[in-house]
mmCIF file of all heavy atoms, coordinates in Angstrom:
data_MODEL
# 
_entry.id   MODEL 
# 
loop_
_atom_site.group_PDB 
_atom_site.id 
_atom_site.type_symbol 
_atom_site.label_atom_id 
_atom_site.label_alt_id 
_atom_site.label_comp_id 
_atom_site.label_asym_id 
_atom_site.label_entity_id 
_atom_site.label_seq_id 
_atom_site.pdbx_PDB_ins_code 
_atom_site.Cartn_x 
_atom_site.Cartn_y 
_atom_site.Cartn_z 
_atom_site.occupancy 
_atom_site.B_iso_or_equiv 
_atom_site.pdbx_formal_charge 
_atom_site.auth_seq_id 
_atom_site.auth_comp_id 
_atom_site.auth_asym_id 
_atom_site.auth_atom_id 
_atom_site.pdbx_PDB_model_num 
ATOM 1   N N   . PHE A 1 1  ? 88.750  90.062  110.712 1.00 0.00 ? 1  PHE A N   1 
ATOM 2   C CA  . PHE A 1 1  ? 88.936  91.567  110.896 1.00 0.00 ? 1  PHE A CA  1 
ATOM 3   C C   . PHE A 1 1  ? 90.394  91.885  110.512 1.00 0.00 ? 1  PHE A C   1 
ATOM 4   O O   . PHE A 1 1  ? 91.318  91.002  110.655 1.00 0.00 ? 1  PHE A O   1 
ATOM 5   C CB  . PHE A 1 1  ? 88.573  92.031  112.199 1.00 0.00 ? 1  PHE A CB  1 
ATOM 6   C CG  . PHE A 1 1  ? 89.477  91.680  113.404 1.00 0.00 ? 1  PHE A CG  1 
ATOM 7   C CD1 . PHE A 1 1  ? 90.405  92.556  113.804 1.00 0.00 ? 1  PHE A CD1 1 
ATOM 8   C CD2 . PHE A 1 1  ? 89.363  90.480  113.930 1.00 0.00 ? 1  PHE A CD2 1 
ATOM 9   C CE1 . PHE A 1 1  ? 91.198  92.258  114.791 1.00 0.00 ? 1  PHE A CE1 1 
ATOM 10  C CE2 . PHE A 1 1  ? 90.218  90.130  115.068 1.00 0.00 ? 1  PHE A CE2 1 
ATOM 11  C CZ  . PHE A 1 1  ? 91.171  91.071  115.458 1.00 0.00 ? 1  PHE A CZ  1 
ATOM 12  N N   . GLY A 1 2  ? 90.616  93.041  110.176 1.00 0.00 ? 2  GLY A N   1 
ATOM 13  C CA  . GLY A 1 2  ? 91.875  93.591  109.908 1.00 0.00 ? 2  GLY A CA  1 
ATOM 14  C C   . GLY A 1 2  ? 91.962  95.084  109.887 1.00 0.00 ? 2  GLY A C   1 
ATOM 15  O O   . GLY A 1 2  ? 90.902  95.778  109.777 1.00 0.00 ? 2  GLY A O   1 
ATOM 16  N N   . ASN A 1 3  ? 93.160  95.660  110.088 1.00 0.00 ? 3  ASN A N   1 
ATOM 17  C CA  . ASN A 1 3  ? 93.251  97.164  110.009 1.00 0.00 ? 3  ASN A CA  1 
ATOM 18  C C   . ASN A 1 3  ? 94.514  97.625  109.498 1.00 0.00 ? 3  ASN A C   1 
ATOM 19  O O   . ASN A 1 3  ? 95.566  96.915  109.604 1.00 0.00 ? 3  ASN A O   1 
ATOM 20  C CB  . ASN A 1 3  ? 92.798  97.758  111.338 1.00 0.00 ? 3  ASN A CB  1 
ATOM 21  C CG  . ASN A 1 3  ? 93.716  97.410  112.565 1.00 0.00 ? 3  ASN A CG  1 
ATOM 22  O OD1 . ASN A 1 3  ? 94.826  96.889  112.422 1.00 0.00 ? 3  ASN A OD1 1 
ATOM 23  N ND2 . ASN A 1 3  ? 93.284  97.771  113.694 1.00 0.00 ? 3  ASN A ND2 1 
ATOM 24  N N   . VAL A 1 4  ? 94.577  98.851  109.101 1.00 0.00 ? 4  VAL A N   1 
ATOM 25  C CA  . VAL A 1 4  ? 95.795  99.544  108.591 1.00 0.00 ? 4  VAL A CA  1 
ATOM 26  C C   . VAL A 1 4  ? 95.794  100.926 109.093 1.00 0.00 ? 4  VAL A C   1 
ATOM 27  O O   . VAL A 1 4  ? 94.800  101.525 109.214 1.00 0.00 ? 4  VAL A O   1 
ATOM 28  C CB  . VAL A 1 4  ? 95.867  99.473  107.007 1.00 0.00 ? 4  VAL A CB  1 
ATOM 29  C CG1 . VAL A 1 4  ? 94.711  100.274 106.405 1.00 0.00 ? 4  VAL A CG1 1 
ATOM 30  C CG2 . VAL A 1 4  ? 97.216  99.895  106.549 1.00 0.00 ? 4  VAL A CG2 1 
ATOM 31  N N   . GLY A 1 5  ? 97.012  101.354 109.474 1.00 0.00 ? 5  GLY A N   1 
ATOM 32  C CA  . GLY A 1 5  ? 97.120  102.774 109.935 1.00 0.00 ? 5  GLY A CA  1 
ATOM 33  C C   . GLY A 1 5  ? 97.476  103.707 108.835 1.00 0.00 ? 5  GLY A C   1 
ATOM 34  O O   . GLY A 1 5  ? 97.675  103.342 107.686 1.00 0.00 ? 5  GLY A O   1 
ATOM 35  N N   . GLU A 1 6  ? 97.521  104.972 109.174 1.00 0.00 ? 6  GLU A N   1 
ATOM 36  C CA  . GLU A 1 6  ? 97.749  106.053 108.141 1.00 0.00 ? 6  GLU A CA  1 
ATOM 37  C C   . GLU A 1 6  ? 99.170  105.941 107.481 1.00 0.00 ? 6  GLU A C   1 
ATOM 38  O O   . GLU A 1 6  ? 99.339  106.458 106.476 1.00 0.00 ? 6  GLU A O   1 
ATOM 39  C CB  . GLU A 1 6  ? 97.648  107.421 108.808 1.00 0.00 ? 6  GLU A CB  1 
ATOM 40  C CG  . GLU A 1 6  ? 96.191  107.718 109.212 1.00 0.00 ? 6  GLU A CG  1 
ATOM 41  C CD  . GLU A 1 6  ? 95.211  107.844 108.051 1.00 0.00 ? 6  GLU A CD  1 
ATOM 42  O OE1 . GLU A 1 6  ? 95.566  108.323 106.962 1.00 0.00 ? 6  GLU A OE1 1 
ATOM 43  O OE2 . GLU A 1 6  ? 94.061  107.294 108.175 1.00 0.00 ? 6  GLU A OE2 1 
ATOM 44  N N   . THR A 1 7  ? 100.040 105.249 108.207 1.00 0.00 ? 7  THR A N   1 
ATOM 45  C CA  . THR A 1 7  ? 101.437 105.123 107.620 1.00 0.00 ? 7  THR A CA  1 
ATOM 46  C C   . THR A 1 7  ? 101.535 103.837 106.620 1.00 0.00 ? 7  THR A C   1 
ATOM 47  O O   . THR A 1 7  ? 102.595 103.627 106.059 1.00 0.00 ? 7  THR A O   1 
ATOM 48  C CB  . THR A 1 7  ? 102.508 104.950 108.713 1.00 0.00 ? 7  THR A CB  1 
ATOM 49  O OG1 . THR A 1 7  ? 102.247 103.731 109.477 1.00 0.00 ? 7  THR A OG1 1 
ATOM 50  C CG2 . THR A 1 7  ? 102.440 106.208 109.603 1.00 0.00 ? 7  THR A CG2 1 
ATOM 51  N N   . GLY A 1 8  ? 100.461 103.070 106.609 1.00 0.00 ? 8  GLY A N   1 
ATOM 52  C CA  . GLY A 1 8  ? 100.575 101.797 105.757 1.00 0.00 ? 8  GLY A CA  1 
ATOM 53  C C   . GLY A 1 8  ? 100.921 100.583 106.553 1.00 0.00 ? 8  GLY A C   1 
ATOM 54  O O   . GLY A 1 8  ? 101.117 99.540  106.042 1.00 0.00 ? 8  GLY A O   1 
ATOM 55  N N   . TYR A 1 9  ? 100.891 100.698 107.939 1.00 0.00 ? 9  TYR A N   1 
ATOM 56  C CA  . TYR A 1 9  ? 101.163 99.553  108.759 1.00 0.00 ? 9  TYR A CA  1 
ATOM 57  C C   . TYR A 1 9  ? 99.932  98.710  108.936 1.00 0.00 ? 9  TYR A C   1 
ATOM 58  O O   . TYR A 1 9  ? 98.971  99.152  109.553 1.00 0.00 ? 9  TYR A O   1 
ATOM 59  C CB  . TYR A 1 9  ? 101.717 99.982  110.124 1.00 0.00 ? 9  TYR A CB  1 
ATOM 60  C CG  . TYR A 1 9  ? 102.114 98.843  110.978 1.00 0.00 ? 9  TYR A CG  1 
ATOM 61  C CD1 . TYR A 1 9  ? 103.222 98.085  110.710 1.00 0.00 ? 9  TYR A CD1 1 
ATOM 62  C CD2 . TYR A 1 9  ? 101.313 98.550  112.132 1.00 0.00 ? 9  TYR A CD2 1 
ATOM 63  C CE1 . TYR A 1 9  ? 103.523 97.015  111.516 1.00 0.00 ? 9  TYR A CE1 1 
ATOM 64  C CE2 . TYR A 1 9  ? 101.745 97.453  112.895 1.00 0.00 ? 9  TYR A CE2 1 
ATOM 65  C CZ  . TYR A 1 9  ? 102.822 96.721  112.649 1.00 0.00 ? 9  TYR A CZ  1 
ATOM 66  O OH  . TYR A 1 9  ? 103.175 95.618  113.419 1.00 0.00 ? 9  TYR A OH  1 
ATOM 67  N N   . LEU A 1 10 ? 100.015 97.481  108.415 1.00 0.00 ? 10 LEU A N   1 
ATOM 68  C CA  . LEU A 1 10 ? 98.900  96.513  108.524 1.00 0.00 ? 10 LEU A CA  1 
ATOM 69  C C   . LEU A 1 10 ? 99.039  95.974  109.951 1.00 0.00 ? 10 LEU A C   1 
ATOM 70  O O   . LEU A 1 10 ? 99.866  95.068  110.188 1.00 0.00 ? 10 LEU A O   1 
ATOM 71  C CB  . LEU A 1 10 ? 98.943  95.454  107.425 1.00 0.00 ? 10 LEU A CB  1 
ATOM 72  C CG  . LEU A 1 10 ? 97.698  94.600  107.253 1.00 0.00 ? 10 LEU A CG  1 
ATOM 73  C CD1 . LEU A 1 10 ? 97.754  94.057  105.847 1.00 0.00 ? 10 LEU A CD1 1 
ATOM 74  C CD2 . LEU A 1 10 ? 97.488  93.616  108.265 1.00 0.00 ? 10 LEU A CD2 1 
ATOM 75  N N   . ASP A 1 11 ? 98.234  96.468  110.831 1.00 0.00 ? 11 ASP A N   1 
ATOM 76  C CA  . ASP A 1 11 ? 98.460  96.130  112.361 1.00 0.00 ? 11 ASP A CA  1 
ATOM 77  C C   . ASP A 1 11 ? 97.895  94.736  112.677 1.00 0.00 ? 11 ASP A C   1 
ATOM 78  O O   . ASP A 1 11 ? 98.444  93.945  113.438 1.00 0.00 ? 11 ASP A O   1 
ATOM 79  C CB  . ASP A 1 11 ? 97.896  97.213  113.146 1.00 0.00 ? 11 ASP A CB  1 
ATOM 80  C CG  . ASP A 1 11 ? 98.203  97.036  114.626 1.00 0.00 ? 11 ASP A CG  1 
ATOM 81  O OD1 . ASP A 1 11 ? 99.238  96.405  114.882 1.00 0.00 ? 11 ASP A OD1 1 
ATOM 82  O OD2 . ASP A 1 11 ? 97.417  97.488  115.485 1.00 0.00 ? 11 ASP A OD2 1 
ATOM 83  N N   . ARG A 1 12 ? 96.670  94.425  112.249 1.00 0.00 ? 12 ARG A N   1 
ATOM 84  C CA  . ARG A 1 12 ? 95.973  93.221  112.511 1.00 0.00 ? 12 ARG A CA  1 
ATOM 85  C C   . ARG A 1 12 ? 95.316  92.632  111.331 1.00 0.00 ? 12 ARG A C   1 
ATOM 86  O O   . ARG A 1 12 ? 94.726  93.263  110.502 1.00 0.00 ? 12 ARG A O   1 
ATOM 87  C CB  . ARG A 1 12 ? 94.933  93.412  113.584 1.00 0.00 ? 12 ARG A CB  1 
ATOM 88  C CG  . ARG A 1 12 ? 95.506  93.881  114.931 1.00 0.00 ? 12 ARG A CG  1 
ATOM 89  C CD  . ARG A 1 12 ? 94.400  94.102  115.947 1.00 0.00 ? 12 ARG A CD  1 
ATOM 90  N NE  . ARG A 1 12 ? 94.969  94.442  117.259 1.00 0.00 ? 12 ARG A NE  1 
ATOM 91  C CZ  . ARG A 1 12 ? 95.108  95.719  117.701 1.00 0.00 ? 12 ARG A CZ  1 
ATOM 92  N NH1 . ARG A 1 12 ? 94.627  96.695  116.925 1.00 0.00 ? 12 ARG A NH1 1 
ATOM 93  N NH2 . ARG A 1 12 ? 95.595  95.901  118.826 1.00 0.00 ? 12 ARG A NH2 1 
ATOM 94  N N   . LEU A 1 13 ? 95.355  91.215  111.278 1.00 0.00 ? 13 LEU A N   1 
ATOM 95  C CA  . LEU A 1 13 ? 94.641  90.508  110.253 1.00 0.00 ? 13 LEU A CA  1 
ATOM 96  C C   . LEU A 1 13 ? 94.369  89.080  110.878 1.00 0.00 ? 13 LEU A C   1 
ATOM 97  O O   . LEU A 1 13 ? 95.297  88.326  111.016 1.00 0.00 ? 13 LEU A O   1 
ATOM 98  C CB  . LEU A 1 13 ? 95.435  90.385  108.969 1.00 0.00 ? 13 LEU A CB  1 
ATOM 99  C CG  . LEU A 1 13 ? 94.805  89.532  107.877 1.00 0.00 ? 13 LEU A CG  1 
ATOM 100 C CD1 . LEU A 1 13 ? 93.562  90.234  107.434 1.00 0.00 ? 13 LEU A CD1 1 
ATOM 101 C CD2 . LEU A 1 13 ? 95.769  89.371  106.771 1.00 0.00 ? 13 LEU A CD2 1 
ATOM 102 N N   . TYR A 1 14 ? 93.137  88.848  111.210 1.00 0.00 ? 14 TYR A N   1 
ATOM 103 C CA  . TYR A 1 14 ? 92.709  87.587  111.832 1.00 0.00 ? 14 TYR A CA  1 
ATOM 104 C C   . TYR A 1 14 ? 91.480  87.093  111.311 1.00 0.00 ? 14 TYR A C   1 
ATOM 105 O O   . TYR A 1 14 ? 90.484  87.775  111.056 1.00 0.00 ? 14 TYR A O   1 
ATOM 106 C CB  . TYR A 1 14 ? 92.644  87.818  113.421 1.00 0.00 ? 14 TYR A CB  1 
ATOM 107 C CG  . TYR A 1 14 ? 93.931  88.204  114.007 1.00 0.00 ? 14 TYR A CG  1 
ATOM 108 C CD1 . TYR A 1 14 ? 94.208  89.510  114.293 1.00 0.00 ? 14 TYR A CD1 1 
ATOM 109 C CD2 . TYR A 1 14 ? 94.922  87.224  114.264 1.00 0.00 ? 14 TYR A CD2 1 
ATOM 110 C CE1 . TYR A 1 14 ? 95.523  89.877  114.842 1.00 0.00 ? 14 TYR A CE1 1 
ATOM 111 C CE2 . TYR A 1 14 ? 96.145  87.485  114.794 1.00 0.00 ? 14 TYR A CE2 1 
ATOM 112 C CZ  . TYR A 1 14 ? 96.397  88.789  115.083 1.00 0.00 ? 14 TYR A CZ  1 
ATOM 113 O OH  . TYR A 1 14 ? 97.647  89.278  115.638 1.00 0.00 ? 14 TYR A OH  1 
ATOM 114 N N   . VAL A 1 15 ? 91.436  85.779  111.148 1.00 0.00 ? 15 VAL A N   1 
ATOM 115 C CA  . VAL A 1 15 ? 90.185  85.079  110.632 1.00 0.00 ? 15 VAL A CA  1 
ATOM 116 C C   . VAL A 1 15 ? 89.758  84.062  111.810 1.00 0.00 ? 15 VAL A C   1 
ATOM 117 O O   . VAL A 1 15 ? 90.672  83.382  112.303 1.00 0.00 ? 15 VAL A O   1 
ATOM 118 C CB  . VAL A 1 15 ? 90.514  84.373  109.334 1.00 0.00 ? 15 VAL A CB  1 
ATOM 119 C CG1 . VAL A 1 15 ? 89.320  83.522  108.804 1.00 0.00 ? 15 VAL A CG1 1 
ATOM 120 C CG2 . VAL A 1 15 ? 90.892  85.475  108.264 1.00 0.00 ? 15 VAL A CG2 1 
ATOM 121 N N   . HIS A 1 16 ? 88.512  83.904  111.965 1.00 0.00 ? 16 HIS A N   1 
ATOM 122 C CA  . HIS A 1 16 ? 87.982  82.931  112.830 1.00 0.00 ? 16 HIS A CA  1 
ATOM 123 C C   . HIS A 1 16 ? 88.488  81.605  112.451 1.00 0.00 ? 16 HIS A C   1 
ATOM 124 O O   . HIS A 1 16 ? 88.536  81.218  111.279 1.00 0.00 ? 16 HIS A O   1 
ATOM 125 C CB  . HIS A 1 16 ? 86.434  83.019  112.767 1.00 0.00 ? 16 HIS A CB  1 
ATOM 126 C CG  . HIS A 1 16 ? 85.751  82.182  113.840 1.00 0.00 ? 16 HIS A CG  1 
ATOM 127 N ND1 . HIS A 1 16 ? 85.735  80.788  113.812 1.00 0.00 ? 16 HIS A ND1 1 
ATOM 128 C CD2 . HIS A 1 16 ? 85.145  82.530  115.002 1.00 0.00 ? 16 HIS A CD2 1 
ATOM 129 C CE1 . HIS A 1 16 ? 85.063  80.349  114.899 1.00 0.00 ? 16 HIS A CE1 1 
ATOM 130 N NE2 . HIS A 1 16 ? 84.725  81.439  115.593 1.00 0.00 ? 16 HIS A NE2 1 
ATOM 131 N N   . LYS A 1 17 ? 88.824  80.718  113.520 1.00 0.00 ? 17 LYS A N   1 
ATOM 132 C CA  . LYS A 1 17 ? 89.431  79.450  113.254 1.00 0.00 ? 17 LYS A CA  1 
ATOM 133 C C   . LYS A 1 17 ? 88.599  78.567  112.471 1.00 0.00 ? 17 LYS A C   1 
ATOM 134 O O   . LYS A 1 17 ? 89.077  77.621  111.757 1.00 0.00 ? 17 LYS A O   1 
ATOM 135 C CB  . LYS A 1 17 ? 89.791  78.846  114.642 1.00 0.00 ? 17 LYS A CB  1 
ATOM 136 C CG  . LYS A 1 17 ? 88.576  78.547  115.467 1.00 0.00 ? 17 LYS A CG  1 
ATOM 137 C CD  . LYS A 1 17 ? 88.995  77.942  116.813 1.00 0.00 ? 17 LYS A CD  1 
ATOM 138 C CE  . LYS A 1 17 ? 87.831  77.689  117.689 1.00 0.00 ? 17 LYS A CE  1 
ATOM 139 N NZ  . LYS A 1 17 ? 86.892  76.643  117.227 1.00 0.00 ? 17 LYS A NZ  1 
ATOM 140 N N   . ASP A 1 18 ? 87.253  78.675  112.440 1.00 0.00 ? 18 ASP A N   1 
ATOM 141 C CA  . ASP A 1 18 ? 86.378  77.814  111.765 1.00 0.00 ? 18 ASP A CA  1 
ATOM 142 C C   . ASP A 1 18 ? 86.190  78.298  110.209 1.00 0.00 ? 18 ASP A C   1 
ATOM 143 O O   . ASP A 1 18 ? 85.468  77.653  109.520 1.00 0.00 ? 18 ASP A O   1 
ATOM 144 C CB  . ASP A 1 18 ? 85.020  77.669  112.381 1.00 0.00 ? 18 ASP A CB  1 
ATOM 145 C CG  . ASP A 1 18 ? 85.173  77.057  113.771 1.00 0.00 ? 18 ASP A CG  1 
ATOM 146 O OD1 . ASP A 1 18 ? 86.075  76.285  114.015 1.00 0.00 ? 18 ASP A OD1 1 
ATOM 147 O OD2 . ASP A 1 18 ? 84.303  77.301  114.587 1.00 0.00 ? 18 ASP A OD2 1 
ATOM 148 N N   . TYR A 1 19 ? 86.772  79.493  109.871 1.00 0.00 ? 19 TYR A N   1 
ATOM 149 C CA  . TYR A 1 19 ? 86.612  79.964  108.583 1.00 0.00 ? 19 TYR A CA  1 
ATOM 150 C C   . TYR A 1 19 ? 87.909  80.211  107.785 1.00 0.00 ? 19 TYR A C   1 
ATOM 151 O O   . TYR A 1 19 ? 87.924  81.057  106.872 1.00 0.00 ? 19 TYR A O   1 
ATOM 152 C CB  . TYR A 1 19 ? 85.831  81.280  108.665 1.00 0.00 ? 19 TYR A CB  1 
ATOM 153 C CG  . TYR A 1 19 ? 84.442  81.163  109.108 1.00 0.00 ? 19 TYR A CG  1 
ATOM 154 C CD1 . TYR A 1 19 ? 84.096  81.086  110.425 1.00 0.00 ? 19 TYR A CD1 1 
ATOM 155 C CD2 . TYR A 1 19 ? 83.308  81.007  108.194 1.00 0.00 ? 19 TYR A CD2 1 
ATOM 156 C CE1 . TYR A 1 19 ? 82.779  80.841  110.870 1.00 0.00 ? 19 TYR A CE1 1 
ATOM 157 C CE2 . TYR A 1 19 ? 82.041  80.751  108.663 1.00 0.00 ? 19 TYR A CE2 1 
ATOM 158 C CZ  . TYR A 1 19 ? 81.814  80.734  109.932 1.00 0.00 ? 19 TYR A CZ  1 
ATOM 159 O OH  . TYR A 1 19 ? 80.456  80.531  110.422 1.00 0.00 ? 19 TYR A OH  1 
ATOM 160 N N   . LEU A 1 20 ? 88.907  79.446  108.204 1.00 0.00 ? 20 LEU A N   1 
ATOM 161 C CA  . LEU A 1 20 ? 90.240  79.613  107.544 1.00 0.00 ? 20 LEU A CA  1 
ATOM 162 C C   . LEU A 1 20 ? 90.136  79.044  106.130 1.00 0.00 ? 20 LEU A C   1 
ATOM 163 O O   . LEU A 1 20 ? 89.293  78.186  105.816 1.00 0.00 ? 20 LEU A O   1 
ATOM 164 C CB  . LEU A 1 20 ? 91.254  78.879  108.236 1.00 0.00 ? 20 LEU A CB  1 
ATOM 165 C CG  . LEU A 1 20 ? 91.553  79.450  109.686 1.00 0.00 ? 20 LEU A CG  1 
ATOM 166 C CD1 . LEU A 1 20 ? 92.528  78.558  110.447 1.00 0.00 ? 20 LEU A CD1 1 
ATOM 167 C CD2 . LEU A 1 20 ? 92.144  80.838  109.624 1.00 0.00 ? 20 LEU A CD2 1 
ATOM 168 N N   . HIS A 1 21 ? 90.991  79.503  105.208 1.00 0.00 ? 21 HIS A N   1 
ATOM 169 C CA  . HIS A 1 21 ? 91.141  78.990  103.900 1.00 0.00 ? 21 HIS A CA  1 
ATOM 170 C C   . HIS A 1 21 ? 89.901  79.159  103.034 1.00 0.00 ? 21 HIS A C   1 
ATOM 171 O O   . HIS A 1 21 ? 89.594  78.369  102.166 1.00 0.00 ? 21 HIS A O   1 
ATOM 172 C CB  . HIS A 1 21 ? 91.625  77.518  103.852 1.00 0.00 ? 21 HIS A CB  1 
ATOM 173 C CG  . HIS A 1 21 ? 92.820  77.278  104.712 1.00 0.00 ? 21 HIS A CG  1 
ATOM 174 N ND1 . HIS A 1 21 ? 94.098  77.836  104.395 1.00 0.00 ? 21 HIS A ND1 1 
ATOM 175 C CD2 . HIS A 1 21 ? 92.961  76.676  105.919 1.00 0.00 ? 21 HIS A CD2 1 
ATOM 176 C CE1 . HIS A 1 21 ? 95.007  77.461  105.370 1.00 0.00 ? 21 HIS A CE1 1 
ATOM 177 N NE2 . HIS A 1 21 ? 94.320  76.881  106.306 1.00 0.00 ? 21 HIS A NE2 1 
ATOM 178 N N   . GLN A 1 22 ? 89.171  80.205  103.295 1.00 0.00 ? 22 GLN A N   1 
ATOM 179 C CA  . GLN A 1 22 ? 88.020  80.507  102.508 1.00 0.00 ? 22 GLN A CA  1 
ATOM 180 C C   . GLN A 1 22 ? 88.179  81.916  101.801 1.00 0.00 ? 22 GLN A C   1 
ATOM 181 O O   . GLN A 1 22 ? 87.163  82.446  101.266 1.00 0.00 ? 22 GLN A O   1 
ATOM 182 C CB  . GLN A 1 22 ? 86.816  80.543  103.412 1.00 0.00 ? 22 GLN A CB  1 
ATOM 183 C CG  . GLN A 1 22 ? 86.488  79.141  103.922 1.00 0.00 ? 22 GLN A CG  1 
ATOM 184 C CD  . GLN A 1 22 ? 85.219  79.222  104.834 1.00 0.00 ? 22 GLN A CD  1 
ATOM 185 O OE1 . GLN A 1 22 ? 84.247  79.979  104.637 1.00 0.00 ? 22 GLN A OE1 1 
ATOM 186 N NE2 . GLN A 1 22 ? 85.108  78.293  105.759 1.00 0.00 ? 22 GLN A NE2 1 
ATOM 187 N N   . GLY A 1 23 ? 89.392  82.464  101.809 1.00 0.00 ? 23 GLY A N   1 
ATOM 188 C CA  . GLY A 1 23 ? 89.613  83.704  101.029 1.00 0.00 ? 23 GLY A CA  1 
ATOM 189 C C   . GLY A 1 23 ? 89.345  84.943  101.885 1.00 0.00 ? 23 GLY A C   1 
ATOM 190 O O   . GLY A 1 23 ? 89.371  86.099  101.366 1.00 0.00 ? 23 GLY A O   1 
ATOM 191 N N   . ILE A 1 24 ? 88.969  84.801  103.214 1.00 0.00 ? 24 ILE A N   1 
ATOM 192 C CA  . ILE A 1 24 ? 88.575  85.933  104.016 1.00 0.00 ? 24 ILE A CA  1 
ATOM 193 C C   . ILE A 1 24 ? 89.837  86.860  104.222 1.00 0.00 ? 24 ILE A C   1 
ATOM 194 O O   . ILE A 1 24 ? 89.743  88.080  104.148 1.00 0.00 ? 24 ILE A O   1 
ATOM 195 C CB  . ILE A 1 24 ? 87.957  85.473  105.322 1.00 0.00 ? 24 ILE A CB  1 
ATOM 196 C CG1 . ILE A 1 24 ? 86.671  84.778  104.968 1.00 0.00 ? 24 ILE A CG1 1 
ATOM 197 C CG2 . ILE A 1 24 ? 87.752  86.665  106.294 1.00 0.00 ? 24 ILE A CG2 1 
ATOM 198 C CD1 . ILE A 1 24 ? 86.031  84.012  106.164 1.00 0.00 ? 24 ILE A CD1 1 
# 
């Protein structure tokens, strides 16, 4: 999951530990 605010601030970007390095 990830999100961005109206100002362009990318607040969160996280990938499940078992799905890393798959382009998510």
